[in-house]
N, C-alpha and C. Protein backbone atom coordinates (compact mmCIF):
# COMPACT_ATOMS: atom_id res chain seq x y z
N UNK A 1 158.16 150.37 9.99
CA UNK A 1 157.20 151.59 9.60
C UNK A 1 157.05 152.43 8.95
N UNK A 2 156.02 152.99 8.18
CA UNK A 2 155.57 154.06 7.34
C UNK A 2 155.26 155.28 7.79
N UNK A 3 155.49 156.40 7.45
CA UNK A 3 154.95 157.64 7.67
C UNK A 3 154.42 158.11 6.49
N UNK A 4 153.34 158.71 6.69
CA UNK A 4 152.40 159.17 5.79
C UNK A 4 151.94 161.05 6.42
N UNK A 5 152.98 161.94 5.17
CA UNK A 5 152.36 163.32 5.28
C UNK A 5 151.08 163.63 4.40
N UNK A 6 150.35 164.67 5.48
CA UNK A 6 149.04 164.79 4.42
C UNK A 6 148.96 166.61 4.61
N UNK A 7 148.55 166.82 3.39
CA UNK A 7 148.22 168.18 3.24
C UNK A 7 146.79 168.15 2.06
N UNK A 8 146.21 169.05 2.30
CA UNK A 8 145.05 169.83 1.53
C UNK A 8 145.49 170.43 0.26
N UNK A 9 144.25 170.79 -0.53
CA UNK A 9 144.10 171.43 -1.52
C UNK A 9 142.63 171.75 -1.60
N UNK A 10 142.26 173.36 -1.59
CA UNK A 10 140.27 172.95 -2.11
C UNK A 10 140.16 174.58 -2.34
N UNK A 11 138.70 174.28 -2.83
CA UNK A 11 138.11 175.66 -3.35
C UNK A 11 136.88 175.38 -2.72
N UNK A 12 135.78 176.20 -2.80
CA UNK A 12 134.33 176.05 -2.57
C UNK A 12 133.83 174.80 -3.41
N UNK A 13 134.35 174.59 -4.46
CA UNK A 13 133.37 173.55 -5.40
C UNK A 13 134.33 171.79 -5.20
N UNK A 14 135.98 171.80 -5.07
CA UNK A 14 136.64 170.54 -5.14
C UNK A 14 137.62 170.57 -3.83
N UNK A 15 137.74 169.54 -3.30
CA UNK A 15 138.63 169.51 -2.11
C UNK A 15 139.64 167.94 -2.28
N UNK A 16 140.72 168.32 -1.96
CA UNK A 16 141.90 166.99 -2.23
C UNK A 16 142.69 167.20 -1.16
N UNK A 17 143.33 165.87 -0.98
CA UNK A 17 144.35 165.67 0.71
C UNK A 17 145.49 164.52 -0.27
N UNK A 18 146.32 165.02 -0.55
CA UNK A 18 147.56 164.07 -1.01
C UNK A 18 148.24 163.92 0.15
N UNK A 19 148.70 162.22 0.21
CA UNK A 19 149.60 161.86 1.34
C UNK A 19 151.41 161.30 0.16
N UNK A 20 152.32 161.77 1.24
CA UNK A 20 153.52 161.26 0.66
C UNK A 20 153.75 160.31 1.78
N UNK A 21 154.15 159.23 1.24
CA UNK A 21 153.78 158.09 2.11
C UNK A 21 155.62 157.56 1.84
N UNK A 22 156.28 157.74 3.12
CA UNK A 22 158.09 157.06 3.60
C UNK A 22 157.70 156.01 4.15
N UNK A 23 159.14 155.16 3.80
CA UNK A 23 159.60 154.34 5.14
C UNK A 23 160.06 155.06 6.05
N UNK A 24 160.25 154.69 7.14
CA UNK A 24 160.69 155.58 8.44
C UNK A 24 162.54 155.58 8.38
N UNK A 25 163.06 154.73 7.38
CA UNK A 25 164.11 155.09 7.41
C UNK A 25 164.57 156.11 6.30
N UNK A 26 163.89 156.70 5.49
CA UNK A 26 164.08 157.57 4.21
C UNK A 26 163.66 159.32 5.15
N UNK A 27 163.43 158.69 6.34
CA UNK A 27 162.88 160.37 6.90
C UNK A 27 164.07 161.24 6.41
N UNK A 28 165.30 160.89 6.85
CA UNK A 28 166.49 162.21 6.29
C UNK A 28 166.74 162.12 4.93
N UNK A 29 165.97 161.52 4.17
CA UNK A 29 166.33 161.57 2.78
C UNK A 29 165.19 162.30 2.33
N UNK A 30 164.02 162.26 3.16
CA UNK A 30 163.08 163.43 2.32
C UNK A 30 163.27 164.84 3.10
N UNK A 31 163.51 165.17 4.31
CA UNK A 31 164.15 166.16 4.58
C UNK A 31 165.55 166.78 3.54
N UNK A 32 166.37 166.14 3.55
CA UNK A 32 167.67 166.82 2.32
C UNK A 32 166.48 166.86 1.33
N UNK A 33 166.04 166.17 0.68
CA UNK A 33 165.18 166.19 -0.86
C UNK A 33 164.62 168.05 -0.76
N UNK A 34 163.85 168.44 0.22
CA UNK A 34 163.47 169.38 0.26
C UNK A 34 164.11 171.06 0.34
N UNK A 35 165.49 170.19 1.23
CA UNK A 35 166.88 171.46 1.74
C UNK A 35 167.20 171.62 0.23
N UNK A 36 167.18 170.45 -0.27
CA UNK A 36 167.90 170.92 -1.95
C UNK A 36 167.01 171.58 -2.52
N UNK A 37 166.21 171.05 -2.69
CA UNK A 37 165.42 172.02 -3.71
C UNK A 37 164.89 173.99 -2.82
N UNK A 38 165.02 173.60 -1.80
CA UNK A 38 165.14 175.11 -1.43
C UNK A 38 166.29 175.53 -1.83
N UNK A 39 167.14 175.30 -1.76
CA UNK A 39 168.75 176.21 -2.78
C UNK A 39 168.69 175.52 -3.64
N UNK A 40 168.05 175.54 -4.51
CA UNK A 40 167.54 176.07 -5.95
C UNK A 40 166.83 177.16 -6.08
N UNK A 41 165.88 177.48 -5.30
CA UNK A 41 165.49 178.47 -5.41
C UNK A 41 166.38 179.89 -4.33
N UNK A 42 167.43 179.33 -3.65
CA UNK A 42 168.04 180.36 -3.50
C UNK A 42 169.09 181.18 -4.29
N UNK A 43 168.97 180.08 -5.28
CA UNK A 43 170.01 180.60 -6.32
C UNK A 43 169.59 181.76 -7.38
N UNK A 44 167.92 181.77 -7.01
CA UNK A 44 167.00 182.55 -8.01
C UNK A 44 166.82 183.79 -6.66
N UNK A 45 167.90 183.93 -5.81
CA UNK A 45 167.24 185.15 -5.11
C UNK A 45 166.62 184.73 -3.61
N UNK A 46 166.25 183.96 -3.32
CA UNK A 46 164.80 183.75 -2.24
C UNK A 46 165.97 183.42 -1.18
N UNK A 47 165.40 183.69 -0.23
CA UNK A 47 165.90 182.44 1.50
C UNK A 47 166.28 181.10 0.90
N UNK A 48 167.43 180.79 2.09
CA UNK A 48 168.29 179.59 1.87
C UNK A 48 166.87 178.58 2.54
N UNK A 49 166.00 178.88 3.76
CA UNK A 49 165.05 178.11 3.88
C UNK A 49 163.54 178.28 3.81
N UNK A 50 163.85 179.26 2.80
CA UNK A 50 161.74 179.36 2.15
C UNK A 50 161.48 178.27 1.85
N UNK A 51 160.49 178.52 2.43
CA UNK A 51 158.90 177.26 2.84
C UNK A 51 158.15 176.76 1.20
N UNK A 52 158.42 175.58 0.50
CA UNK A 52 158.20 175.24 -0.65
C UNK A 52 156.62 174.84 -0.53
N UNK A 53 155.58 176.05 -0.44
CA UNK A 53 154.34 176.51 -0.49
C UNK A 53 153.89 176.79 -1.67
N UNK A 54 152.99 175.59 -2.33
CA UNK A 54 152.66 176.00 -3.80
C UNK A 54 151.99 177.04 -3.68
N UNK A 55 150.76 177.59 -3.42
CA UNK A 55 150.21 178.57 -3.45
C UNK A 55 150.91 179.67 -3.57
N UNK A 56 152.01 179.97 -2.77
CA UNK A 56 152.74 181.09 -2.60
C UNK A 56 153.68 180.97 -4.04
N UNK A 57 154.29 179.94 -4.12
CA UNK A 57 154.85 179.78 -5.28
C UNK A 57 154.17 180.13 -6.70
N UNK A 58 153.62 180.14 -6.80
CA UNK A 58 152.91 179.88 -8.20
C UNK A 58 152.35 181.61 -8.13
N UNK A 59 151.97 181.95 -7.10
CA UNK A 59 151.29 183.26 -7.53
C UNK A 59 152.23 184.62 -7.05
N UNK A 60 153.84 183.82 -6.79
CA UNK A 60 154.20 184.98 -6.58
C UNK A 60 154.10 185.83 -5.54
N UNK A 61 153.57 185.20 -3.92
CA UNK A 61 153.18 186.06 -2.84
C UNK A 61 153.99 185.43 -1.67
N UNK A 62 153.91 186.01 -0.60
CA UNK A 62 154.59 185.88 1.02
C UNK A 62 156.01 186.26 0.12
N UNK A 63 157.20 184.53 0.77
CA UNK A 63 158.57 184.96 0.35
C UNK A 63 158.57 184.40 -1.08
N UNK A 64 157.62 184.78 -1.50
CA UNK A 64 157.87 184.03 -2.97
C UNK A 64 157.54 185.47 -4.00
N UNK A 65 157.34 186.14 -3.26
CA UNK A 65 157.37 187.83 -4.46
C UNK A 65 158.25 188.01 -5.12
N UNK A 66 159.60 188.27 -4.62
CA UNK A 66 160.82 188.06 -5.94
C UNK A 66 160.73 187.54 -6.71
N UNK A 67 159.47 186.28 -7.03
CA UNK A 67 159.74 185.57 -8.65
C UNK A 67 158.28 185.89 -9.18
N UNK A 68 157.29 186.92 -8.53
CA UNK A 68 156.12 187.23 -9.19
C UNK A 68 156.51 187.53 -10.53
N UNK A 69 155.42 186.51 -11.20
CA UNK A 69 155.52 186.40 -13.15
C UNK A 69 156.66 185.81 -13.41
N UNK A 70 157.46 185.32 -12.67
CA UNK A 70 158.73 184.42 -13.61
C UNK A 70 158.38 183.07 -13.30
N UNK A 71 157.76 183.13 -14.00
CA UNK A 71 156.92 181.50 -14.07
C UNK A 71 157.56 180.28 -14.37
N UNK A 72 158.89 180.54 -14.98
CA UNK A 72 159.84 179.98 -15.76
C UNK A 72 160.41 179.51 -14.70
N UNK A 73 161.14 180.16 -13.85
CA UNK A 73 162.05 179.76 -12.87
C UNK A 73 161.39 179.03 -11.88
N UNK A 74 160.03 179.41 -11.38
CA UNK A 74 159.15 178.84 -10.29
C UNK A 74 158.86 177.54 -11.03
N UNK A 75 158.91 177.20 -12.13
CA UNK A 75 158.20 175.98 -12.64
C UNK A 75 159.54 174.73 -12.33
N UNK A 76 160.55 175.40 -12.55
CA UNK A 76 161.95 174.66 -12.64
C UNK A 76 162.12 174.26 -11.31
N UNK A 77 161.82 175.19 -10.43
CA UNK A 77 162.23 174.71 -8.70
C UNK A 77 161.35 173.54 -8.34
N UNK A 78 159.65 174.03 -9.21
CA UNK A 78 158.54 172.72 -8.90
C UNK A 78 159.24 171.56 -8.99
N UNK A 79 159.38 171.77 -10.67
CA UNK A 79 159.44 170.96 -10.91
C UNK A 79 160.91 169.79 -10.15
N UNK A 80 161.98 170.41 -10.22
CA UNK A 80 163.41 169.57 -9.71
C UNK A 80 163.01 169.28 -7.90
N UNK A 81 162.04 169.21 -7.25
CA UNK A 81 161.37 169.33 -6.08
C UNK A 81 160.74 168.24 -6.50
N UNK A 82 159.92 168.01 -7.20
CA UNK A 82 159.25 166.46 -7.53
C UNK A 82 160.19 165.78 -7.90
N UNK A 83 161.12 165.91 -8.70
CA UNK A 83 162.00 165.03 -9.21
C UNK A 83 162.84 164.55 -7.58
N UNK A 84 163.32 165.23 -7.11
CA UNK A 84 163.98 164.70 -5.99
C UNK A 84 162.94 164.23 -5.08
N UNK A 85 161.79 164.22 -4.68
CA UNK A 85 161.21 163.40 -4.38
C UNK A 85 160.91 162.20 -4.60
N UNK A 86 160.90 162.23 -5.94
CA UNK A 86 160.64 160.57 -6.60
C UNK A 86 162.21 159.71 -6.18
N UNK A 87 162.96 160.45 -6.36
CA UNK A 87 164.28 159.66 -5.67
C UNK A 87 164.82 159.33 -4.34
N UNK A 88 163.33 160.08 -3.48
CA UNK A 88 163.69 159.29 -1.97
C UNK A 88 163.59 158.29 -1.77
N UNK A 89 163.37 157.27 -1.82
CA UNK A 89 161.77 157.25 -2.58
C UNK A 89 160.59 157.71 -1.94
N UNK A 90 159.69 158.13 -2.85
CA UNK A 90 158.21 158.34 -1.90
C UNK A 90 157.36 157.66 -2.72
N UNK A 91 155.65 157.08 -2.37
CA UNK A 91 154.67 156.80 -2.67
C UNK A 91 153.58 157.79 -2.49
N UNK A 92 152.91 157.97 -3.49
CA UNK A 92 152.17 159.24 -3.64
C UNK A 92 150.57 158.62 -3.51
N UNK A 93 149.37 159.34 -2.96
CA UNK A 93 147.85 158.72 -3.09
C UNK A 93 147.54 160.01 -3.41
N UNK A 94 146.34 160.20 -3.75
CA UNK A 94 145.89 161.91 -4.29
C UNK A 94 144.17 160.80 -4.17
N UNK A 95 143.90 161.50 -2.91
CA UNK A 95 141.75 161.75 -3.08
C UNK A 95 141.33 162.93 -2.81
N UNK A 96 140.06 162.73 -3.49
CA UNK A 96 139.50 164.21 -3.73
C UNK A 96 137.62 163.87 -4.16
N UNK A 97 137.28 164.95 -3.56
CA UNK A 97 135.80 165.01 -3.90
C UNK A 97 135.22 166.32 -4.51
N UNK A 98 134.26 166.01 -5.40
CA UNK A 98 133.57 167.00 -5.86
C UNK A 98 132.57 167.77 -4.90
N UNK A 99 132.93 168.62 -4.40
CA UNK A 99 132.17 169.50 -3.57
C UNK A 99 130.63 169.75 -4.00
N UNK A 100 130.75 170.59 -5.00
CA UNK A 100 129.55 170.69 -5.38
C UNK A 100 128.24 169.65 -5.79
N UNK A 101 129.28 168.98 -6.07
CA UNK A 101 128.02 167.52 -6.49
C UNK A 101 127.30 166.63 -5.12
N UNK A 102 128.49 167.01 -4.43
CA UNK A 102 128.24 166.23 -3.27
C UNK A 102 127.00 167.30 -2.61
N UNK A 103 127.38 168.53 -2.48
CA UNK A 103 125.89 169.02 -1.85
C UNK A 103 124.67 169.11 -2.83
N UNK A 104 124.99 169.00 -4.34
CA UNK A 104 123.67 168.66 -5.17
C UNK A 104 122.87 167.44 -4.60
N UNK A 105 123.67 166.46 -4.27
CA UNK A 105 123.13 165.13 -4.08
C UNK A 105 122.51 164.56 -2.47
N UNK A 106 123.05 165.39 -1.63
CA UNK A 106 122.97 165.30 -0.45
C UNK A 106 122.20 166.13 0.25
N UNK A 107 121.12 166.64 0.81
CA UNK A 107 120.43 167.35 1.67
C UNK A 107 121.27 167.83 3.02
N UNK A 108 121.68 167.09 3.56
CA UNK A 108 122.84 167.28 4.67
C UNK A 108 123.85 166.42 4.54
N UNK A 109 124.47 167.09 3.63
CA UNK A 109 126.29 166.73 3.24
C UNK A 109 127.28 166.73 4.92
N UNK A 110 127.91 165.78 4.73
CA UNK A 110 129.10 165.60 5.64
C UNK A 110 130.32 166.69 4.98
N UNK A 111 131.05 167.03 5.65
CA UNK A 111 131.92 168.11 5.46
C UNK A 111 132.79 167.47 4.89
N UNK A 112 133.38 168.35 3.86
CA UNK A 112 134.03 167.49 2.72
C UNK A 112 135.42 167.18 3.43
N UNK A 113 136.25 168.09 4.24
CA UNK A 113 137.42 167.91 4.82
C UNK A 113 137.63 165.90 5.54
N UNK A 114 136.21 165.99 5.93
CA UNK A 114 135.38 164.82 6.94
C UNK A 114 135.80 163.30 6.10
N UNK A 115 135.10 163.61 4.61
CA UNK A 115 134.78 162.78 3.49
C UNK A 115 136.19 162.21 3.04
N UNK A 116 137.06 163.30 2.54
CA UNK A 116 138.17 163.06 2.00
C UNK A 116 139.02 162.63 3.00
N UNK A 117 139.45 163.14 4.24
CA UNK A 117 140.07 162.33 5.23
C UNK A 117 139.82 160.91 5.25
N UNK A 118 138.40 160.72 5.46
CA UNK A 118 138.39 159.08 5.48
C UNK A 118 138.69 158.46 4.58
N UNK A 119 138.48 158.84 3.54
CA UNK A 119 138.95 157.90 2.07
C UNK A 119 140.27 157.72 2.15
N UNK A 120 141.15 158.91 2.01
CA UNK A 120 142.61 158.40 2.11
C UNK A 120 143.09 157.74 3.77
N UNK A 121 142.46 157.59 4.73
CA UNK A 121 143.02 157.30 5.70
C UNK A 121 142.37 155.59 5.30
N UNK A 122 141.78 155.43 4.89
CA UNK A 122 140.88 154.11 4.81
C UNK A 122 141.95 153.06 3.80
N UNK A 123 142.56 154.16 2.71
CA UNK A 123 143.40 153.24 1.43
C UNK A 123 144.78 153.38 2.22
N UNK A 124 145.14 154.12 3.40
CA UNK A 124 146.66 154.31 4.10
C UNK A 124 146.45 153.32 4.75
N UNK A 125 145.54 153.03 5.57
CA UNK A 125 145.36 151.73 6.36
C UNK A 125 145.58 150.45 5.81
N UNK A 126 144.53 150.27 4.75
CA UNK A 126 144.87 148.93 3.86
C UNK A 126 146.51 149.17 3.46
N UNK A 127 147.17 149.97 3.00
CA UNK A 127 148.33 149.62 2.51
C UNK A 127 149.41 149.13 3.53
N UNK A 128 149.37 149.83 4.68
CA UNK A 128 149.77 149.40 5.86
C UNK A 128 149.76 147.91 6.24
N UNK A 129 148.67 147.84 6.62
CA UNK A 129 148.32 146.40 6.65
C UNK A 129 148.73 145.61 5.44
N UNK A 130 148.80 145.66 4.54
CA UNK A 130 149.22 144.93 3.18
C UNK A 130 150.71 144.55 3.26
N UNK A 131 151.72 145.48 3.95
CA UNK A 131 152.97 145.80 4.06
C UNK A 131 153.14 144.99 5.46
N UNK A 132 152.36 144.40 6.30
CA UNK A 132 152.65 144.07 7.34
C UNK A 132 153.51 144.84 8.55
N UNK A 133 152.74 146.25 8.66
CA UNK A 133 153.30 147.29 9.09
C UNK A 133 152.56 148.28 9.95
N UNK A 134 152.72 149.30 10.68
CA UNK A 134 151.71 150.47 10.99
C UNK A 134 152.29 151.46 10.09
N UNK A 135 151.63 152.42 9.94
CA UNK A 135 151.63 153.62 9.35
C UNK A 135 151.10 155.23 10.32
N UNK A 136 152.51 155.90 10.69
CA UNK A 136 151.64 157.12 11.23
C UNK A 136 151.44 158.50 10.36
N UNK A 137 150.40 159.19 10.58
CA UNK A 137 149.89 159.84 10.06
C UNK A 137 150.73 161.44 10.65
N UNK A 138 150.81 162.49 9.95
CA UNK A 138 151.25 163.21 10.15
C UNK A 138 150.63 164.70 9.20
N UNK A 139 149.72 165.54 9.68
CA UNK A 139 149.16 166.41 8.57
C UNK A 139 149.19 167.51 8.82
N UNK A 140 149.27 168.43 8.13
CA UNK A 140 149.15 169.88 8.40
C UNK A 140 148.47 170.27 9.51
N UNK A 141 148.75 171.34 10.44
CA UNK A 141 147.87 172.04 11.06
C UNK A 141 146.56 172.89 11.09
N UNK A 142 145.75 172.12 11.49
CA UNK A 142 144.32 172.71 11.46
C UNK A 142 143.73 173.58 12.84
N UNK A 143 142.35 174.28 12.50
CA UNK A 143 141.83 174.58 13.36
C UNK A 143 141.28 173.55 14.24
N UNK A 144 140.58 172.41 13.51
CA UNK A 144 139.76 171.86 14.38
C UNK A 144 139.75 170.43 14.89
N UNK A 145 141.56 170.75 15.07
CA UNK A 145 142.18 169.18 15.55
C UNK A 145 141.55 168.71 16.49
N UNK A 146 141.15 169.00 17.59
CA UNK A 146 140.30 168.21 18.73
C UNK A 146 139.19 167.55 17.75
N UNK A 147 138.39 168.03 17.14
CA UNK A 147 137.41 167.29 16.52
C UNK A 147 137.41 166.25 15.48
N UNK A 148 138.78 166.42 14.73
CA UNK A 148 139.26 165.33 13.79
C UNK A 148 139.82 164.23 14.51
N UNK A 149 140.57 164.48 16.06
CA UNK A 149 140.97 163.59 16.54
C UNK A 149 140.08 162.78 17.23
N UNK A 150 139.05 163.29 17.63
CA UNK A 150 137.54 162.76 17.93
C UNK A 150 136.92 161.80 16.91
N UNK A 151 136.78 161.94 15.58
CA UNK A 151 136.44 161.48 14.56
C UNK A 151 137.04 160.36 14.35
N UNK A 152 138.22 160.51 14.20
CA UNK A 152 139.43 159.41 13.69
C UNK A 152 139.07 158.13 14.93
N UNK A 153 138.99 158.58 15.94
CA UNK A 153 138.98 157.91 17.19
C UNK A 153 137.70 157.20 16.74
N UNK A 154 136.43 157.38 16.47
CA UNK A 154 135.26 156.67 16.10
C UNK A 154 135.56 155.81 15.34
N UNK A 155 136.30 156.62 13.99
CA UNK A 155 136.22 155.27 13.13
C UNK A 155 137.16 154.00 13.68
N UNK A 156 137.78 154.05 14.82
CA UNK A 156 138.59 153.08 15.14
C UNK A 156 137.75 152.21 15.70
N UNK A 157 136.86 152.69 16.72
CA UNK A 157 136.09 152.64 17.55
C UNK A 157 134.85 151.61 16.87
N UNK A 158 134.15 152.05 15.90
CA UNK A 158 132.77 151.40 14.94
C UNK A 158 132.69 151.51 13.71
N UNK A 159 133.88 151.67 13.01
CA UNK A 159 134.18 151.74 11.73
C UNK A 159 133.99 153.30 11.10
N UNK A 160 134.82 153.53 9.48
CA UNK A 160 134.10 154.44 9.04
C UNK A 160 132.56 154.25 8.46
N UNK A 161 132.15 155.14 7.73
CA UNK A 161 130.46 155.14 7.27
C UNK A 161 131.01 154.38 5.89
N UNK A 162 130.31 153.86 5.18
CA UNK A 162 129.83 153.50 3.72
C UNK A 162 129.38 151.80 3.93
N UNK A 163 129.85 151.81 2.59
CA UNK A 163 129.70 150.13 2.58
C UNK A 163 131.27 149.65 2.72
N UNK A 164 132.41 150.05 2.65
CA UNK A 164 133.20 149.12 2.98
C UNK A 164 133.80 149.80 4.23
N UNK A 165 133.36 149.76 5.31
CA UNK A 165 133.72 150.34 6.47
C UNK A 165 135.30 149.32 6.65
N UNK A 166 135.89 150.69 7.52
CA UNK A 166 137.14 150.15 7.80
C UNK A 166 137.53 150.70 9.22
N UNK A 167 138.24 149.92 10.68
CA UNK A 167 138.63 150.52 11.92
C UNK A 167 139.88 151.01 11.55
N UNK A 168 140.27 151.49 10.26
CA UNK A 168 141.58 151.68 9.87
C UNK A 168 142.47 150.85 11.18
N UNK A 169 142.86 149.50 11.36
CA UNK A 169 143.55 149.04 11.89
C UNK A 169 145.10 149.17 11.19
N UNK A 170 145.57 149.65 10.23
CA UNK A 170 146.67 149.95 9.98
C UNK A 170 147.40 151.37 10.16
N UNK A 171 146.17 152.23 11.19
CA UNK A 171 147.03 153.55 11.52
C UNK A 171 147.04 153.70 12.98
N UNK A 172 148.68 154.24 13.09
CA UNK A 172 148.95 154.27 14.29
C UNK A 172 148.19 155.66 15.15
N UNK A 173 147.51 155.75 16.27
CA UNK A 173 146.40 156.97 16.48
C UNK A 173 147.48 157.61 17.99
N UNK A 174 147.30 158.63 18.15
CA UNK A 174 146.03 159.52 17.42
C UNK A 174 147.24 160.14 16.09
N UNK A 175 146.06 161.12 15.29
CA UNK A 175 146.97 161.55 14.09
C UNK A 175 148.03 162.79 15.09
N UNK A 176 148.81 163.15 14.11
CA UNK A 176 149.87 164.01 14.47
C UNK A 176 149.61 165.18 13.63
N UNK A 177 149.77 166.39 14.34
CA UNK A 177 149.22 167.42 13.48
C UNK A 177 150.82 168.67 13.88
N UNK A 178 151.48 168.99 12.48
CA UNK A 178 152.64 170.02 12.51
C UNK A 178 152.22 171.29 11.51
N UNK A 179 152.96 171.95 12.08
CA UNK A 179 153.69 173.31 10.79
C UNK A 179 154.23 173.07 9.65
N UNK A 180 153.73 173.38 8.84
CA UNK A 180 154.24 172.77 7.50
C UNK A 180 155.64 173.30 7.28
N UNK A 181 155.64 174.73 8.17
CA UNK A 181 157.13 175.18 7.76
C UNK A 181 158.18 174.71 8.66
N UNK A 182 158.00 173.93 9.48
CA UNK A 182 159.12 172.95 10.04
C UNK A 182 158.69 171.96 9.52
N UNK A 183 158.38 171.00 9.17
CA UNK A 183 157.78 170.05 8.23
C UNK A 183 158.30 169.64 6.93
N UNK A 184 158.97 168.99 6.27
CA UNK A 184 159.27 169.13 4.96
C UNK A 184 158.58 167.93 4.52
N UNK A 185 157.85 166.71 5.02
CA UNK A 185 156.99 165.95 4.55
C UNK A 185 155.78 166.73 4.27
N UNK A 186 155.43 167.67 5.32
CA UNK A 186 154.32 168.22 4.60
C UNK A 186 153.91 169.28 3.69
N UNK A 187 155.32 170.09 3.36
CA UNK A 187 155.91 170.73 2.10
C UNK A 187 155.94 169.83 1.15
N UNK A 188 156.40 168.45 0.95
CA UNK A 188 156.09 167.75 -0.41
C UNK A 188 154.30 167.38 -0.31
N UNK A 189 153.44 167.13 0.75
CA UNK A 189 152.47 166.73 0.30
C UNK A 189 151.58 168.16 -0.27
N UNK A 190 152.46 169.42 0.06
CA UNK A 190 151.05 170.66 -0.35
C UNK A 190 151.84 170.73 -1.72
N UNK A 191 152.85 170.62 -2.25
CA UNK A 191 153.26 170.64 -3.69
C UNK A 191 152.04 169.55 -4.13
N UNK A 192 152.21 168.57 -3.66
CA UNK A 192 151.37 167.66 -5.04
C UNK A 192 149.70 167.77 -4.58
N UNK A 193 149.34 167.94 -3.76
CA UNK A 193 147.97 168.57 -3.34
C UNK A 193 147.86 169.69 -4.55
N UNK A 194 148.51 170.54 -4.29
CA UNK A 194 147.66 171.71 -5.01
C UNK A 194 148.09 171.55 -6.20
N UNK A 195 148.65 170.83 -7.17
CA UNK A 195 149.40 170.50 -8.05
C UNK A 195 148.12 169.86 -8.75
N UNK A 196 147.89 168.58 -8.21
CA UNK A 196 146.49 167.84 -8.65
C UNK A 196 145.41 168.49 -8.25
N UNK A 197 145.02 169.55 -7.88
CA UNK A 197 144.18 170.32 -7.82
C UNK A 197 143.70 171.27 -9.15
N UNK A 198 145.09 171.59 -9.12
CA UNK A 198 145.39 172.51 -10.60
C UNK A 198 144.93 171.81 -12.25
N UNK A 199 145.18 170.11 -12.24
CA UNK A 199 144.94 169.67 -12.83
C UNK A 199 143.36 169.17 -13.23
N UNK A 200 142.86 168.68 -11.99
CA UNK A 200 141.52 168.14 -11.99
C UNK A 200 140.61 168.93 -11.80
N UNK A 201 140.39 170.25 -10.86
CA UNK A 201 139.61 171.25 -10.68
C UNK A 201 139.41 171.76 -11.37
N UNK A 202 140.73 172.47 -12.37
CA UNK A 202 140.28 173.53 -12.99
C UNK A 202 140.77 173.30 -14.55
N UNK A 203 140.07 172.16 -15.03
CA UNK A 203 139.86 171.46 -16.73
C UNK A 203 139.96 172.94 -18.00
N UNK A 204 139.36 173.70 -17.47
CA UNK A 204 138.58 174.79 -18.41
C UNK A 204 140.21 176.00 -18.17
N UNK A 205 140.99 175.56 -17.52
CA UNK A 205 141.90 177.12 -17.52
C UNK A 205 142.91 177.43 -18.51
N UNK A 206 143.39 178.14 -18.52
CA UNK A 206 144.44 178.88 -19.51
C UNK A 206 145.17 177.57 -19.99
N UNK A 207 145.13 177.76 -21.30
CA UNK A 207 145.94 176.21 -22.24
C UNK A 207 147.36 176.42 -21.55
N UNK A 208 148.01 177.54 -21.89
CA UNK A 208 149.53 177.40 -21.16
C UNK A 208 149.74 176.74 -19.75
N UNK A 209 149.05 177.54 -18.86
CA UNK A 209 149.47 176.97 -17.50
C UNK A 209 148.97 175.46 -17.61
N UNK A 210 147.88 174.96 -18.24
CA UNK A 210 147.45 173.62 -18.11
C UNK A 210 148.74 172.87 -18.65
N UNK A 211 149.55 173.28 -19.55
CA UNK A 211 150.79 172.45 -19.91
C UNK A 211 151.75 172.42 -19.06
N UNK A 212 151.95 173.67 -18.53
CA UNK A 212 152.81 173.54 -17.23
C UNK A 212 152.31 172.59 -16.02
N UNK A 213 151.35 172.28 -15.99
CA UNK A 213 150.97 171.83 -14.56
C UNK A 213 151.24 170.47 -15.15
N UNK A 214 150.56 169.82 -16.22
CA UNK A 214 150.83 168.62 -16.96
C UNK A 214 152.40 168.01 -16.87
N UNK A 215 153.04 168.81 -17.45
CA UNK A 215 154.62 168.34 -17.15
C UNK A 215 155.25 168.77 -15.74
N UNK A 216 154.65 169.17 -14.93
CA UNK A 216 155.08 168.91 -13.69
C UNK A 216 154.49 167.79 -12.94
N UNK A 217 153.33 167.16 -13.46
CA UNK A 217 152.71 166.18 -13.00
C UNK A 217 153.67 164.88 -13.20
N UNK A 218 153.98 165.04 -14.82
CA UNK A 218 154.90 164.19 -15.27
C UNK A 218 156.17 164.01 -14.34
N UNK A 219 156.80 164.76 -13.53
CA UNK A 219 157.76 164.84 -12.97
C UNK A 219 157.34 163.65 -11.62
N UNK A 220 156.02 163.73 -11.12
CA UNK A 220 155.55 162.89 -9.55
C UNK A 220 155.69 161.96 -10.24
N UNK A 221 154.90 161.51 -11.44
CA UNK A 221 154.11 160.48 -11.86
C UNK A 221 154.43 158.87 -11.22
N UNK A 222 156.45 158.86 -11.63
CA UNK A 222 156.57 157.73 -11.28
C UNK A 222 156.44 157.11 -10.05
N UNK A 223 156.18 157.96 -9.08
CA UNK A 223 155.88 157.83 -7.61
C UNK A 223 154.55 157.43 -7.17
N UNK A 224 153.39 157.57 -8.12
CA UNK A 224 151.87 158.04 -7.51
C UNK A 224 151.49 156.60 -7.74
N UNK A 225 150.84 156.21 -6.66
CA UNK A 225 150.58 154.70 -6.29
C UNK A 225 148.97 154.93 -6.97
N UNK A 226 148.13 156.05 -6.44
CA UNK A 226 146.94 156.02 -6.67
C UNK A 226 145.88 157.36 -6.76
N UNK A 227 145.29 157.76 -7.59
CA UNK A 227 144.35 158.49 -7.41
C UNK A 227 143.19 158.50 -7.50
N UNK A 228 142.62 158.79 -6.89
CA UNK A 228 140.73 159.09 -7.34
C UNK A 228 139.87 160.18 -6.39
N UNK A 229 138.76 160.67 -7.66
CA UNK A 229 138.08 161.46 -6.86
C UNK A 229 137.05 161.06 -6.60
N UNK A 230 136.07 161.13 -5.70
CA UNK A 230 134.75 160.54 -5.55
C UNK A 230 133.65 161.79 -6.43
N UNK A 231 132.81 161.79 -6.77
CA UNK A 231 132.07 162.87 -7.82
C UNK A 231 130.62 162.09 -7.39
N UNK A 232 130.00 162.05 -6.51
CA UNK A 232 128.98 161.75 -5.85
C UNK A 232 127.69 161.86 -7.04
C-alpha cells in the first residue's frame, strides 16, 4: 500500500500541487523526519512542535516570527527537512498550471484546483497500478471538500476529462482530508509545493532568493520522480 500526501501552493496566476509518496511501512519514518526537522528549529528558539509551514518559515510569520529576517537559519532548517525526507525515502511528484494562460485560452475555464488535482491523481493512479498496489491520498483540509469528493467520484464513474481519460483505478476512495498541523506528510508536501512555486512561478525574482531556492531544490531533487506544469 502506498500513501500520497498532497498540498498546494498558488497565486492568481499559478497553481501547484505536490505529492509526497511513501510506502505505508515508512509512515513512522516520515513522521520522525519531520519531528527531527522541528527539533532543529527548536535549537533556534522555536517551540519543539512547531509546524513546518513554508510560507510562515520564509516570511517570518506566526510561530516563525522569532526568525524573521534570519534567512540563513530558516534555509538551514528547510534544507535539513528536505534531506531527511530523501532519507525516508519518499517519492515526489509536482503538477502545476499556468492559470493566466488557462483564462486567456478558455472562455469558461475549469477551476485551477480541479485541473491540477485531476492531473496529479491521474499520475499517482498510474504509478500505483504499475506497482501492483493501491494508493491512499491524504490532502490538506479545504473548504470545498464535499464538492471535491463528488468530483473524484465522478472521475471514477465516467473518467477524467481529456484525451487520456482515467478512472483512477489505482486510487483508494474516498480521499482523506486532514489538518496540516497534525499531519507530518502534509507538512512535507507543503515544503515542496511552496518551493517549486518559488522556482517556477517567480522566475524574475530576486537573484539571491532564487539561488537559495535552487539550493533547496537540489536537496530534494534525488527524490523527485516527475514535475510537469501545464501551460495552455
